[in-house]
N, C-alpha and C. Protein backbone atom coordinates (compact mmCIF):
# COMPACT_ATOMS: atom_id res chain seq x y z
N MET A 1 0.81 -1.19 0.00
CA MET A 1 0.00 0.00 0.00
C MET A 1 0.86 1.27 0.00
N ILE A 2 1.93 1.31 0.80
CA ILE A 2 2.78 2.50 0.81
C ILE A 2 3.44 2.70 -0.55
N ARG A 3 3.85 1.60 -1.20
CA ARG A 3 4.46 1.74 -2.53
C ARG A 3 3.47 2.34 -3.52
N ASP A 4 2.22 1.93 -3.46
CA ASP A 4 1.20 2.49 -4.35
C ASP A 4 1.02 3.98 -4.10
N LEU A 5 0.99 4.38 -2.84
CA LEU A 5 0.85 5.80 -2.50
C LEU A 5 2.05 6.60 -2.99
N VAL A 6 3.24 6.08 -2.75
CA VAL A 6 4.46 6.78 -3.17
C VAL A 6 4.50 6.92 -4.70
N THR A 7 4.10 5.87 -5.40
CA THR A 7 4.09 5.92 -6.86
C THR A 7 3.06 6.92 -7.38
N ALA A 8 1.89 6.98 -6.74
CA ALA A 8 0.84 7.90 -7.16
C ALA A 8 1.13 9.34 -6.76
N ASN A 9 1.98 9.54 -5.76
CA ASN A 9 2.31 10.87 -5.27
C ASN A 9 3.36 11.50 -6.17
N ARG A 10 2.92 12.19 -7.19
CA ARG A 10 3.81 12.83 -8.15
C ARG A 10 3.81 14.34 -7.90
N SER A 11 4.70 15.04 -8.57
CA SER A 11 4.73 16.50 -8.52
C SER A 11 3.81 17.02 -9.62
N TYR A 12 2.57 17.32 -9.25
CA TYR A 12 1.58 17.78 -10.23
C TYR A 12 1.69 19.28 -10.40
N ARG A 13 1.61 19.72 -11.64
CA ARG A 13 1.71 21.14 -11.95
C ARG A 13 0.46 21.66 -12.66
N GLY A 14 -0.63 20.93 -12.50
CA GLY A 14 -1.91 21.34 -13.07
C GLY A 14 -3.02 20.68 -12.28
N PHE A 15 -4.05 21.48 -11.91
CA PHE A 15 -5.11 21.00 -11.03
C PHE A 15 -6.49 21.31 -11.62
N ASP A 16 -7.46 20.49 -11.24
CA ASP A 16 -8.84 20.64 -11.65
C ASP A 16 -9.48 21.73 -10.79
N PRO A 17 -9.81 22.90 -11.38
CA PRO A 17 -10.34 24.00 -10.57
C PRO A 17 -11.75 23.73 -10.03
N SER A 18 -12.45 22.75 -10.59
CA SER A 18 -13.81 22.47 -10.12
C SER A 18 -13.81 21.71 -8.79
N ARG A 19 -12.68 21.09 -8.43
CA ARG A 19 -12.61 20.35 -7.16
C ARG A 19 -11.97 21.25 -6.11
N LYS A 20 -12.80 21.77 -5.25
CA LYS A 20 -12.30 22.62 -4.17
C LYS A 20 -11.70 21.74 -3.07
N VAL A 21 -10.81 22.31 -2.30
CA VAL A 21 -10.20 21.65 -1.15
C VAL A 21 -10.65 22.42 0.08
N THR A 22 -11.06 21.71 1.10
CA THR A 22 -11.60 22.36 2.29
C THR A 22 -10.55 22.55 3.38
N ARG A 23 -10.87 23.43 4.29
CA ARG A 23 -10.01 23.61 5.46
C ARG A 23 -9.90 22.30 6.24
N GLU A 24 -11.00 21.57 6.33
CA GLU A 24 -11.00 20.30 7.07
C GLU A 24 -10.04 19.30 6.44
N GLU A 25 -9.99 19.24 5.12
CA GLU A 25 -9.06 18.33 4.45
C GLU A 25 -7.62 18.75 4.73
N LEU A 26 -7.33 20.04 4.59
CA LEU A 26 -5.97 20.53 4.85
C LEU A 26 -5.58 20.27 6.30
N THR A 27 -6.51 20.48 7.21
CA THR A 27 -6.24 20.24 8.63
C THR A 27 -5.91 18.77 8.88
N GLU A 28 -6.63 17.87 8.23
CA GLU A 28 -6.35 16.44 8.39
C GLU A 28 -4.97 16.08 7.86
N PHE A 29 -4.57 16.70 6.75
CA PHE A 29 -3.23 16.42 6.21
C PHE A 29 -2.15 16.89 7.18
N VAL A 30 -2.35 18.06 7.78
CA VAL A 30 -1.39 18.57 8.76
C VAL A 30 -1.41 17.71 10.02
N GLU A 31 -2.57 17.19 10.38
CA GLU A 31 -2.64 16.29 11.54
C GLU A 31 -1.74 15.08 11.31
N CYS A 32 -1.72 14.55 10.11
CA CYS A 32 -0.83 13.43 9.80
C CYS A 32 0.63 13.84 9.98
N ALA A 33 0.98 15.03 9.51
CA ALA A 33 2.35 15.53 9.64
C ALA A 33 2.71 15.77 11.10
N ARG A 34 1.75 16.22 11.88
CA ARG A 34 1.98 16.51 13.30
C ARG A 34 2.45 15.27 14.06
N LEU A 35 2.05 14.11 13.59
CA LEU A 35 2.36 12.85 14.28
C LEU A 35 3.72 12.27 13.90
N THR A 36 4.41 12.88 12.95
CA THR A 36 5.69 12.35 12.48
C THR A 36 6.81 12.66 13.47
N PRO A 37 7.94 11.93 13.34
CA PRO A 37 9.09 12.19 14.21
C PRO A 37 9.67 13.60 14.00
N SER A 38 10.32 14.09 15.03
CA SER A 38 10.97 15.39 14.98
C SER A 38 12.26 15.30 15.79
N GLY A 39 13.37 15.84 15.25
CA GLY A 39 14.65 15.82 15.95
C GLY A 39 14.54 16.41 17.34
N ALA A 40 14.97 15.66 18.34
CA ALA A 40 14.90 16.06 19.75
C ALA A 40 13.47 16.41 20.18
N ASN A 41 12.51 15.98 19.37
CA ASN A 41 11.09 16.24 19.58
C ASN A 41 10.79 17.74 19.70
N ARG A 42 11.55 18.56 18.96
CA ARG A 42 11.37 20.02 19.01
C ARG A 42 10.05 20.47 18.38
N GLN A 43 9.60 19.75 17.33
CA GLN A 43 8.36 20.10 16.63
C GLN A 43 8.36 21.57 16.22
N PRO A 44 9.33 21.98 15.39
CA PRO A 44 9.53 23.39 15.10
C PRO A 44 8.69 23.98 13.98
N LEU A 45 7.71 23.24 13.47
CA LEU A 45 6.98 23.72 12.29
C LEU A 45 5.59 24.24 12.63
N ARG A 46 5.17 25.21 11.83
CA ARG A 46 3.80 25.74 11.88
C ARG A 46 3.30 25.76 10.44
N TYR A 47 1.98 25.78 10.26
CA TYR A 47 1.38 25.60 8.94
C TYR A 47 0.33 26.68 8.66
N TYR A 48 0.49 27.35 7.54
CA TYR A 48 -0.51 28.31 7.08
C TYR A 48 -1.36 27.60 6.04
N LEU A 49 -2.67 27.53 6.28
CA LEU A 49 -3.59 26.86 5.38
C LEU A 49 -4.30 27.90 4.51
N ALA A 50 -4.32 27.66 3.20
CA ALA A 50 -4.99 28.57 2.26
C ALA A 50 -5.91 27.75 1.37
N TRP A 51 -7.20 27.97 1.45
CA TRP A 51 -8.18 27.23 0.66
C TRP A 51 -9.19 28.16 0.00
N GLU A 52 -9.22 29.41 0.42
CA GLU A 52 -10.12 30.38 -0.20
C GLU A 52 -9.38 31.14 -1.28
N LYS A 53 -10.10 31.52 -2.33
CA LYS A 53 -9.48 32.15 -3.49
C LYS A 53 -8.66 33.39 -3.11
N GLU A 54 -9.18 34.18 -2.19
CA GLU A 54 -8.46 35.39 -1.75
C GLU A 54 -7.07 35.04 -1.20
N GLN A 55 -6.98 33.92 -0.48
CA GLN A 55 -5.71 33.49 0.09
C GLN A 55 -4.79 32.93 -1.01
N THR A 56 -5.34 32.05 -1.85
CA THR A 56 -4.50 31.39 -2.86
C THR A 56 -3.98 32.39 -3.88
N GLU A 57 -4.76 33.44 -4.14
CA GLU A 57 -4.30 34.47 -5.08
C GLU A 57 -3.15 35.30 -4.54
N LYS A 58 -2.96 35.33 -3.25
CA LYS A 58 -1.80 36.00 -2.65
C LYS A 58 -0.54 35.15 -2.80
N ILE A 59 -0.71 33.83 -2.74
CA ILE A 59 0.43 32.91 -2.74
C ILE A 59 0.93 32.60 -4.15
N GLN A 60 0.01 32.28 -5.06
CA GLN A 60 0.39 31.81 -6.40
C GLN A 60 1.42 32.70 -7.12
N PRO A 61 1.21 34.02 -7.18
CA PRO A 61 2.18 34.83 -7.94
C PRO A 61 3.57 34.91 -7.32
N LEU A 62 3.70 34.46 -6.08
CA LEU A 62 5.00 34.51 -5.40
C LEU A 62 5.77 33.20 -5.54
N THR A 63 5.23 32.27 -6.33
CA THR A 63 5.86 30.97 -6.55
C THR A 63 6.31 30.83 -8.00
N ARG A 64 7.30 29.96 -8.21
CA ARG A 64 7.79 29.64 -9.56
C ARG A 64 7.76 28.14 -9.72
N TRP A 65 7.18 27.67 -10.83
CA TRP A 65 6.98 26.24 -11.06
C TRP A 65 7.71 25.78 -12.31
N GLY A 66 8.07 24.50 -12.33
CA GLY A 66 8.54 23.83 -13.54
C GLY A 66 9.80 24.42 -14.15
N ALA A 67 10.84 24.53 -13.36
CA ALA A 67 12.09 25.14 -13.85
C ALA A 67 12.67 24.42 -15.06
N ALA A 68 12.41 23.12 -15.18
CA ALA A 68 12.95 22.37 -16.33
C ALA A 68 12.12 22.61 -17.59
N LEU A 69 11.00 23.32 -17.46
CA LEU A 69 10.16 23.65 -18.62
C LEU A 69 9.95 25.16 -18.69
N PRO A 70 11.02 25.93 -18.84
CA PRO A 70 10.91 27.40 -18.75
C PRO A 70 10.00 28.01 -19.81
N GLU A 71 9.81 27.33 -20.92
CA GLU A 71 8.96 27.86 -21.98
C GLU A 71 7.47 27.76 -21.64
N ARG A 72 7.12 27.02 -20.59
CA ARG A 72 5.71 26.73 -20.28
C ARG A 72 5.03 27.72 -19.32
N HIS A 73 5.71 28.36 -18.43
CA HIS A 73 5.09 29.26 -17.44
C HIS A 73 3.98 28.54 -16.67
N LEU A 74 4.33 27.43 -16.05
CA LEU A 74 3.37 26.63 -15.29
C LEU A 74 3.06 27.27 -13.95
N PRO A 75 1.89 27.06 -13.40
CA PRO A 75 0.78 26.29 -13.94
C PRO A 75 0.02 27.09 -14.98
N ASP A 76 -0.69 26.39 -15.85
CA ASP A 76 -1.55 27.06 -16.82
C ASP A 76 -2.64 27.80 -16.05
N ALA A 77 -3.09 28.91 -16.59
CA ALA A 77 -4.06 29.78 -15.90
C ALA A 77 -5.35 29.05 -15.55
N ASP A 78 -5.71 28.03 -16.32
CA ASP A 78 -6.95 27.30 -16.03
C ASP A 78 -6.72 26.06 -15.17
N LYS A 79 -5.52 25.92 -14.62
CA LYS A 79 -5.20 24.75 -13.80
C LYS A 79 -4.49 25.14 -12.50
N LEU A 80 -4.86 26.29 -11.95
CA LEU A 80 -4.25 26.75 -10.70
C LEU A 80 -4.70 25.87 -9.54
N PRO A 81 -3.86 25.72 -8.52
CA PRO A 81 -4.26 24.89 -7.37
C PRO A 81 -5.33 25.59 -6.54
N PRO A 82 -6.28 24.82 -6.03
CA PRO A 82 -7.32 25.42 -5.20
C PRO A 82 -6.90 25.61 -3.74
N ALA A 83 -5.71 25.10 -3.38
CA ALA A 83 -5.28 25.22 -1.98
C ALA A 83 -3.76 25.19 -1.89
N PHE A 84 -3.26 25.75 -0.80
CA PHE A 84 -1.84 25.72 -0.47
C PHE A 84 -1.68 25.45 1.02
N ILE A 85 -0.57 24.85 1.37
CA ILE A 85 -0.10 24.79 2.75
C ILE A 85 1.31 25.38 2.74
N VAL A 86 1.52 26.40 3.55
CA VAL A 86 2.85 26.99 3.67
C VAL A 86 3.44 26.47 4.98
N ILE A 87 4.56 25.74 4.85
CA ILE A 87 5.24 25.20 6.02
C ILE A 87 6.24 26.25 6.50
N CYS A 88 6.11 26.62 7.78
CA CYS A 88 6.97 27.66 8.36
C CYS A 88 7.78 27.11 9.52
N ALA A 89 8.98 27.64 9.67
CA ALA A 89 9.78 27.36 10.86
C ALA A 89 9.38 28.35 11.93
N GLU A 90 9.18 27.83 13.13
CA GLU A 90 8.85 28.66 14.29
C GLU A 90 10.16 28.97 15.01
N THR A 91 10.69 30.18 14.78
CA THR A 91 12.02 30.50 15.29
C THR A 91 12.05 30.71 16.81
N LEU A 92 10.91 30.84 17.44
CA LEU A 92 10.89 30.89 18.90
C LEU A 92 11.20 29.51 19.47
N TRP A 93 10.85 28.47 18.73
CA TRP A 93 11.09 27.09 19.16
C TRP A 93 12.40 26.54 18.62
N ALA A 94 12.79 27.02 17.43
CA ALA A 94 14.02 26.56 16.78
C ALA A 94 14.66 27.78 16.12
N PRO A 95 15.59 28.45 16.80
CA PRO A 95 16.15 29.71 16.31
C PRO A 95 16.80 29.64 14.93
N ASN A 96 17.28 28.48 14.52
CA ASN A 96 17.93 28.34 13.23
C ASN A 96 17.03 27.54 12.28
N PRO A 97 16.27 28.22 11.39
CA PRO A 97 15.36 27.50 10.49
C PRO A 97 16.06 26.44 9.63
N ALA A 98 17.32 26.65 9.29
CA ALA A 98 18.03 25.67 8.46
C ALA A 98 18.17 24.33 9.18
N ALA A 99 18.17 24.35 10.50
CA ALA A 99 18.33 23.12 11.26
C ALA A 99 17.08 22.24 11.25
N CYS A 100 15.97 22.77 10.76
CA CYS A 100 14.74 21.96 10.78
C CYS A 100 14.35 21.48 9.38
N GLN A 101 15.30 21.47 8.46
CA GLN A 101 14.98 21.06 7.10
C GLN A 101 14.53 19.61 6.99
N LYS A 102 15.08 18.74 7.84
CA LYS A 102 14.61 17.34 7.76
C LYS A 102 13.16 17.25 8.18
N GLU A 103 12.75 18.02 9.18
CA GLU A 103 11.35 18.03 9.59
C GLU A 103 10.45 18.57 8.47
N VAL A 104 10.93 19.58 7.76
CA VAL A 104 10.16 20.13 6.63
C VAL A 104 9.93 19.05 5.58
N GLY A 105 10.99 18.31 5.24
CA GLY A 105 10.86 17.24 4.25
C GLY A 105 9.92 16.14 4.70
N ILE A 106 10.07 15.73 5.95
CA ILE A 106 9.19 14.67 6.49
C ILE A 106 7.74 15.14 6.49
N ALA A 107 7.50 16.36 6.94
CA ALA A 107 6.14 16.90 6.99
C ALA A 107 5.55 17.03 5.59
N ALA A 108 6.32 17.55 4.65
CA ALA A 108 5.82 17.75 3.29
C ALA A 108 5.45 16.42 2.64
N GLN A 109 6.33 15.44 2.76
CA GLN A 109 6.04 14.13 2.16
C GLN A 109 4.82 13.50 2.82
N THR A 110 4.70 13.62 4.12
CA THR A 110 3.55 13.06 4.82
C THR A 110 2.26 13.72 4.37
N ILE A 111 2.27 15.04 4.27
CA ILE A 111 1.08 15.78 3.82
C ILE A 111 0.69 15.34 2.41
N LEU A 112 1.67 15.23 1.52
CA LEU A 112 1.34 14.86 0.14
C LEU A 112 0.89 13.41 0.04
N LEU A 113 1.42 12.53 0.86
CA LEU A 113 0.92 11.14 0.87
C LEU A 113 -0.52 11.10 1.38
N ALA A 114 -0.82 11.88 2.40
CA ALA A 114 -2.19 11.95 2.91
C ALA A 114 -3.13 12.52 1.85
N ALA A 115 -2.69 13.54 1.13
CA ALA A 115 -3.50 14.12 0.05
C ALA A 115 -3.72 13.08 -1.05
N THR A 116 -2.69 12.32 -1.38
CA THR A 116 -2.81 11.28 -2.41
C THR A 116 -3.82 10.23 -1.98
N GLU A 117 -3.74 9.82 -0.73
CA GLU A 117 -4.69 8.82 -0.22
C GLU A 117 -6.13 9.35 -0.30
N ALA A 118 -6.31 10.67 -0.20
CA ALA A 118 -7.63 11.29 -0.26
C ALA A 118 -8.08 11.57 -1.69
N GLY A 119 -7.29 11.12 -2.68
CA GLY A 119 -7.67 11.34 -4.08
C GLY A 119 -7.21 12.67 -4.64
N LEU A 120 -6.34 13.35 -3.93
CA LEU A 120 -5.80 14.63 -4.38
C LEU A 120 -4.33 14.44 -4.75
N GLY A 121 -3.66 15.53 -5.01
CA GLY A 121 -2.23 15.50 -5.31
C GLY A 121 -1.64 16.84 -4.96
N GLY A 122 -0.35 16.97 -5.20
CA GLY A 122 0.27 18.23 -4.84
C GLY A 122 1.62 18.44 -5.47
N LEU A 123 2.24 19.51 -5.04
CA LEU A 123 3.56 19.89 -5.52
C LEU A 123 4.30 20.59 -4.40
N MET A 124 5.54 20.16 -4.15
CA MET A 124 6.42 20.89 -3.22
C MET A 124 7.07 22.02 -4.01
N ILE A 125 6.92 23.23 -3.52
CA ILE A 125 7.47 24.40 -4.21
C ILE A 125 8.52 25.04 -3.32
N ALA A 126 9.78 24.89 -3.72
CA ALA A 126 10.87 25.50 -2.98
C ALA A 126 11.27 26.84 -3.59
N ASN A 127 10.83 27.09 -4.81
CA ASN A 127 11.16 28.33 -5.51
C ASN A 127 10.02 29.33 -5.28
N PHE A 128 10.17 30.14 -4.24
CA PHE A 128 9.17 31.15 -3.92
C PHE A 128 9.86 32.32 -3.23
N GLN A 129 9.17 33.46 -3.20
CA GLN A 129 9.71 34.68 -2.60
C GLN A 129 9.33 34.70 -1.11
N ALA A 130 10.21 34.20 -0.28
CA ALA A 130 9.89 34.00 1.14
C ALA A 130 9.51 35.28 1.86
N ASP A 131 10.28 36.34 1.69
CA ASP A 131 9.98 37.59 2.40
C ASP A 131 8.65 38.18 1.94
N ALA A 132 8.43 38.19 0.63
CA ALA A 132 7.18 38.72 0.09
C ALA A 132 5.99 37.86 0.53
N LEU A 133 6.20 36.55 0.59
CA LEU A 133 5.14 35.66 1.04
C LEU A 133 4.80 35.92 2.50
N ALA A 134 5.80 36.05 3.35
CA ALA A 134 5.56 36.34 4.77
C ALA A 134 4.77 37.64 4.93
N ARG A 135 5.11 38.65 4.12
CA ARG A 135 4.38 39.93 4.18
C ARG A 135 2.95 39.76 3.68
N ALA A 136 2.78 39.07 2.56
CA ALA A 136 1.45 38.89 1.97
C ALA A 136 0.51 38.15 2.91
N LEU A 137 1.05 37.18 3.65
CA LEU A 137 0.24 36.39 4.57
C LEU A 137 0.18 37.00 5.96
N GLU A 138 0.88 38.13 6.13
CA GLU A 138 0.94 38.84 7.42
C GLU A 138 1.41 37.92 8.54
N LEU A 139 2.45 37.15 8.24
CA LEU A 139 3.02 36.24 9.24
C LEU A 139 3.83 37.03 10.25
N PRO A 140 3.77 36.65 11.51
CA PRO A 140 4.64 37.31 12.49
C PRO A 140 6.10 37.00 12.16
N GLU A 141 6.99 37.85 12.62
CA GLU A 141 8.41 37.74 12.28
C GLU A 141 9.03 36.41 12.68
N HIS A 142 8.50 35.76 13.70
CA HIS A 142 9.08 34.50 14.18
C HIS A 142 8.65 33.28 13.35
N LEU A 143 7.81 33.48 12.33
CA LEU A 143 7.42 32.39 11.44
C LEU A 143 8.05 32.62 10.07
N VAL A 144 8.93 31.71 9.67
CA VAL A 144 9.70 31.88 8.43
C VAL A 144 9.28 30.80 7.44
N PRO A 145 8.69 31.19 6.30
CA PRO A 145 8.28 30.19 5.30
C PRO A 145 9.47 29.36 4.82
N GLN A 146 9.26 28.05 4.79
CA GLN A 146 10.31 27.12 4.38
C GLN A 146 9.96 26.40 3.07
N LEU A 147 8.69 26.11 2.86
CA LEU A 147 8.25 25.34 1.70
C LEU A 147 6.78 25.61 1.49
N VAL A 148 6.38 25.67 0.21
CA VAL A 148 4.97 25.85 -0.14
C VAL A 148 4.49 24.57 -0.81
N LEU A 149 3.33 24.08 -0.38
CA LEU A 149 2.71 22.91 -1.00
C LEU A 149 1.45 23.35 -1.72
N ALA A 150 1.37 23.07 -3.02
CA ALA A 150 0.13 23.26 -3.77
C ALA A 150 -0.66 21.97 -3.63
N ILE A 151 -1.96 22.08 -3.41
CA ILE A 151 -2.81 20.91 -3.20
C ILE A 151 -4.07 21.03 -4.06
N GLY A 152 -4.46 19.92 -4.69
CA GLY A 152 -5.70 19.88 -5.47
C GLY A 152 -5.85 18.54 -6.15
N ARG A 153 -6.92 18.40 -6.94
CA ARG A 153 -7.09 17.18 -7.72
C ARG A 153 -6.29 17.35 -9.00
N PRO A 154 -5.34 16.44 -9.27
CA PRO A 154 -4.50 16.56 -10.46
C PRO A 154 -5.33 16.60 -11.74
N ALA A 155 -4.90 17.45 -12.66
CA ALA A 155 -5.54 17.57 -13.97
C ALA A 155 -4.49 17.36 -15.05
N GLU A 156 -3.59 16.43 -14.81
CA GLU A 156 -2.57 16.10 -15.80
C GLU A 156 -2.10 14.67 -15.55
N LYS A 157 -1.50 14.11 -16.57
CA LYS A 157 -0.97 12.75 -16.45
C LYS A 157 0.53 12.83 -16.26
N VAL A 158 1.03 12.12 -15.24
CA VAL A 158 2.46 12.05 -14.97
C VAL A 158 2.88 10.59 -15.07
N VAL A 159 3.93 10.33 -15.86
CA VAL A 159 4.40 8.97 -16.10
C VAL A 159 5.85 8.85 -15.64
N LEU A 160 6.13 7.84 -14.82
CA LEU A 160 7.50 7.55 -14.43
C LEU A 160 8.15 6.70 -15.51
N THR A 161 9.39 7.03 -15.85
CA THR A 161 10.15 6.24 -16.81
C THR A 161 11.50 5.92 -16.18
N GLU A 162 12.16 4.89 -16.70
CA GLU A 162 13.48 4.55 -16.19
C GLU A 162 14.52 5.33 -16.99
N ALA A 163 15.38 6.04 -16.28
CA ALA A 163 16.42 6.83 -16.94
C ALA A 163 17.43 5.90 -17.60
N GLU A 164 17.88 6.31 -18.76
CA GLU A 164 18.92 5.57 -19.46
C GLU A 164 20.26 5.82 -18.77
N PRO A 165 21.17 4.86 -18.79
CA PRO A 165 22.50 5.09 -18.20
C PRO A 165 23.15 6.33 -18.82
N GLY A 166 23.52 7.26 -17.96
CA GLY A 166 24.14 8.50 -18.42
C GLY A 166 23.17 9.47 -19.07
N GLY A 167 21.88 9.12 -19.09
CA GLY A 167 20.87 9.98 -19.73
C GLY A 167 20.42 11.10 -18.82
N SER A 168 19.63 11.97 -19.38
CA SER A 168 19.11 13.12 -18.64
C SER A 168 18.09 12.68 -17.60
N LEU A 169 18.08 13.40 -16.49
CA LEU A 169 17.07 13.19 -15.45
C LEU A 169 16.02 14.31 -15.47
N ASN A 170 16.11 15.22 -16.44
CA ASN A 170 15.15 16.30 -16.54
C ASN A 170 13.78 15.76 -16.94
N TYR A 171 12.75 16.24 -16.25
CA TYR A 171 11.40 15.87 -16.66
C TYR A 171 11.07 16.63 -17.94
N TYR A 172 10.08 16.11 -18.67
CA TYR A 172 9.72 16.70 -19.96
C TYR A 172 8.26 16.37 -20.27
N ARG A 173 7.72 17.03 -21.28
CA ARG A 173 6.35 16.79 -21.72
C ARG A 173 6.34 16.47 -23.21
N ASP A 174 5.39 15.60 -23.58
CA ASP A 174 5.28 15.25 -25.00
C ASP A 174 4.23 16.15 -25.66
N GLU A 175 3.92 15.85 -26.92
CA GLU A 175 2.98 16.68 -27.69
C GLU A 175 1.57 16.66 -27.10
N GLN A 176 1.22 15.61 -26.36
CA GLN A 176 -0.10 15.52 -25.73
C GLN A 176 -0.09 16.10 -24.30
N ASP A 177 1.00 16.74 -23.93
CA ASP A 177 1.18 17.37 -22.62
C ASP A 177 1.26 16.36 -21.48
N VAL A 178 1.65 15.12 -21.80
CA VAL A 178 1.91 14.12 -20.76
C VAL A 178 3.28 14.44 -20.17
N HIS A 179 3.34 14.44 -18.85
CA HIS A 179 4.55 14.81 -18.12
C HIS A 179 5.33 13.54 -17.78
N TYR A 180 6.58 13.45 -18.21
CA TYR A 180 7.42 12.28 -17.98
C TYR A 180 8.52 12.61 -16.97
N VAL A 181 8.75 11.66 -16.04
CA VAL A 181 9.74 11.85 -14.99
C VAL A 181 10.70 10.67 -15.00
N PRO A 182 11.93 10.86 -15.53
CA PRO A 182 12.91 9.76 -15.50
C PRO A 182 13.41 9.51 -14.07
N LYS A 183 13.46 8.23 -13.70
CA LYS A 183 13.98 7.83 -12.40
C LYS A 183 15.19 6.93 -12.62
N ARG A 184 16.21 7.14 -11.79
CA ARG A 184 17.39 6.27 -11.87
C ARG A 184 16.98 4.84 -11.54
N PRO A 185 17.57 3.85 -12.20
CA PRO A 185 17.28 2.46 -11.86
C PRO A 185 17.75 2.14 -10.44
N LEU A 186 17.05 1.25 -9.78
CA LEU A 186 17.40 0.87 -8.41
C LEU A 186 18.84 0.38 -8.33
N ARG A 187 19.29 -0.36 -9.32
CA ARG A 187 20.66 -0.91 -9.28
C ARG A 187 21.71 0.20 -9.22
N ASP A 188 21.40 1.38 -9.74
CA ASP A 188 22.34 2.51 -9.70
C ASP A 188 22.36 3.19 -8.33
N LEU A 189 21.39 2.92 -7.52
CA LEU A 189 21.28 3.58 -6.20
C LEU A 189 21.89 2.76 -5.07
N LEU A 190 21.93 1.45 -5.27
CA LEU A 190 22.43 0.58 -4.22
C LEU A 190 23.96 0.55 -4.22
N ILE A 191 24.53 0.72 -3.06
CA ILE A 191 26.00 0.73 -2.95
C ILE A 191 26.54 -0.69 -2.93
N ASN A 192 25.84 -1.62 -2.34
CA ASN A 192 26.33 -3.01 -2.29
C ASN A 192 25.23 -3.98 -2.63
């Protein structure tokens, strides 16, 4: 079951705007993340939930998507995500936000797996304007945005392929706008 969830949990860059995401759904995804391990049990993360159009319209323009497809300007205007979760470091609890990056990764993956299990999908967005985002969301100074998650029902097809030896790992799209993601073969990852 976990392998099926991991395989289905892709980086989606297009969402069905007719499927809204509720605060209750986002809260449940964060509840799953809340239960994950944390170094020294510091639990240094806080979460900004955005599910209303007024909120999502503040976040979207401060993000950059699909760096390997610069000609595309993703997401397409008709496939914007209906929700976001902004993962923030709580500097009152953990003064050095860089020290909580493993928690950010664990929380983000957990949230996206929970979203996948609920029939949704998402995208981890590390390319965003952190200072502008903090201002737009009126975050207190002690909350520092670390990662933005777009959440919604995927409106695109993503296909995993096996990377050729020495081949490119860049994702790409074909003429039908199918998104392909090359993955290194398992034999290339194992040391022994």
